[in-house]
């Protein structure tokens, strides 16, 4: 039963990863557009925050078994950071997470779900 909940959470995380990619692709993968467009910045930030929020619902067993592949603790903490430090977010860190870390997380979710659904 718990595995079904983990799979549901991973599908939600995957959806947010896809929305981040869609936002980036819609702005021609431009960091300059990310800096200049508040809606673009807000969308990517909100989707990253939501990933941190829903990751809290993954089982301890799942996060423990997969922590070598994905830093779940950091991802879960990301939600609090976005929620409480939003006005002081470093755009470069948000961008780097979006273009470097989100694709890794997306691939992990896709592979895991493919093998465990």
Protein backbone atom coordinates (compact mmCIF):
# COMPACT_ATOMS: atom_id res chain seq x y z
CA UNK A 1 0.00 0.00 0.00
CA UNK A 2 2.77 2.45 0.93
CA UNK A 3 4.49 1.92 -2.41
CA UNK A 4 1.34 3.14 -4.14
CA UNK A 5 1.52 6.38 -2.14
CA UNK A 6 5.19 6.77 -3.00
CA UNK A 7 4.38 6.25 -6.69
CA UNK A 8 1.61 8.84 -6.49
CA UNK A 9 4.00 11.35 -4.91
CA UNK A 10 6.64 10.61 -7.53
CA UNK A 11 4.08 11.26 -10.27
CA UNK A 12 3.32 14.65 -8.71
CA UNK A 13 7.04 15.44 -8.47
CA UNK A 14 7.48 14.37 -12.08
CA UNK A 15 4.65 16.68 -13.10
CA UNK A 16 6.34 19.65 -11.39
CA UNK A 17 9.64 18.75 -13.07
CA UNK A 18 7.87 18.77 -16.41
CA UNK A 19 6.28 22.14 -15.65
CA UNK A 20 9.70 23.56 -14.81
CA UNK A 21 11.07 22.23 -18.10
CA UNK A 22 8.09 23.64 -19.98
CA UNK A 23 8.63 27.06 -18.39
CA UNK A 24 12.32 27.02 -19.28
CA UNK A 25 11.70 25.83 -22.83
CA UNK A 26 8.99 28.46 -23.26
CA UNK A 27 11.61 31.12 -22.60
CA UNK A 28 14.23 29.59 -24.89
CA UNK A 29 16.25 28.30 -21.93
CA UNK A 30 17.39 31.85 -21.26
CA UNK A 31 18.83 32.84 -17.90
CA UNK A 32 18.43 36.46 -18.95
CA UNK A 33 14.68 35.95 -19.43
CA UNK A 34 14.57 34.20 -16.07
CA UNK A 35 16.12 37.27 -14.42
CA UNK A 36 13.96 39.78 -16.28
CA UNK A 37 10.57 38.03 -16.18
CA UNK A 38 9.01 37.92 -12.72
CA UNK A 39 6.33 35.45 -13.79
CA UNK A 40 8.95 33.07 -15.16
CA UNK A 41 11.01 33.34 -11.97
CA UNK A 42 7.91 32.89 -9.80
CA UNK A 43 6.69 29.86 -11.75
CA UNK A 44 10.01 28.02 -11.56
CA UNK A 45 10.39 28.90 -7.88
CA UNK A 46 6.85 27.80 -7.02
CA UNK A 47 7.24 24.50 -8.84
CA UNK A 48 10.48 23.83 -6.96
CA UNK A 49 8.76 24.69 -3.68
CA UNK A 50 5.91 22.30 -4.52
CA UNK A 51 8.38 19.50 -5.17
CA UNK A 52 9.72 20.04 -1.66
CA UNK A 53 6.20 20.08 -0.26
CA UNK A 54 4.99 16.86 -1.85
CA UNK A 55 8.28 15.05 -1.18
CA UNK A 56 7.36 15.17 2.51
CA UNK A 57 4.76 12.50 1.80
CA UNK A 58 7.26 9.93 0.59
CA UNK A 59 7.71 7.06 3.01
CA UNK A 60 10.77 6.99 5.24
CA UNK A 61 11.58 3.57 3.81
CA UNK A 62 11.53 4.91 0.24
CA UNK A 63 13.65 7.98 0.98
CA UNK A 64 16.13 5.91 2.98
CA UNK A 65 16.43 3.32 0.21
CA UNK A 66 16.96 5.94 -2.51
CA UNK A 67 18.90 8.66 -0.69
CA UNK A 68 22.15 7.69 -2.45
CA UNK A 69 20.50 8.66 -5.74
CA UNK A 70 18.40 11.66 -4.68
CA UNK A 71 19.01 14.04 -1.73
CA UNK A 72 15.47 13.83 -0.36
CA UNK A 73 16.29 15.66 2.87
CA UNK A 74 17.55 18.66 0.90
CA UNK A 75 14.53 18.54 -1.38
CA UNK A 76 12.14 18.50 1.58
CA UNK A 77 14.00 21.40 3.20
CA UNK A 78 13.74 23.33 -0.07
CA UNK A 79 10.05 23.96 0.57
CA UNK A 80 10.75 25.80 3.83
CA UNK A 81 13.52 27.79 2.25
CA UNK A 82 11.28 28.96 -0.59
CA UNK A 83 8.37 29.67 1.72
CA UNK A 84 10.30 31.64 4.33
CA UNK A 85 13.17 33.26 2.42
CA UNK A 86 11.40 34.03 -0.85
CA UNK A 87 12.35 37.70 -1.01
CA UNK A 88 16.03 36.82 -0.61
CA UNK A 89 16.24 33.93 -3.06
CA UNK A 90 19.43 33.80 -5.08
CA UNK A 91 18.25 33.65 -8.70
CA UNK A 92 21.44 31.86 -9.75
CA UNK A 93 20.77 29.05 -7.25
CA UNK A 94 17.14 28.73 -8.33
CA UNK A 95 18.22 28.63 -11.98
CA UNK A 96 21.01 26.12 -11.32
CA UNK A 97 18.57 23.87 -9.50
CA UNK A 98 16.12 24.13 -12.40
CA UNK A 99 18.63 23.34 -15.14
CA UNK A 100 20.98 20.95 -13.33
CA UNK A 101 19.11 19.18 -10.53
CA UNK A 102 15.55 19.01 -11.84
CA UNK A 103 16.53 16.95 -14.93
CA UNK A 104 18.23 14.40 -12.63
CA UNK A 105 15.16 14.23 -10.40
CA UNK A 106 12.89 13.96 -13.45
CA UNK A 107 14.93 11.06 -14.85
CA UNK A 108 14.93 9.30 -11.49
CA UNK A 109 11.13 9.59 -11.20
CA UNK A 110 10.58 8.38 -14.75
CA UNK A 111 12.85 5.36 -14.32
CA UNK A 112 11.51 4.45 -10.89
CA UNK A 113 7.91 4.67 -12.03
CA UNK A 114 8.65 2.70 -15.18
CA UNK A 115 10.19 -0.11 -13.10
CA UNK A 116 7.72 -0.02 -10.17
CA UNK A 117 4.28 0.77 -11.58
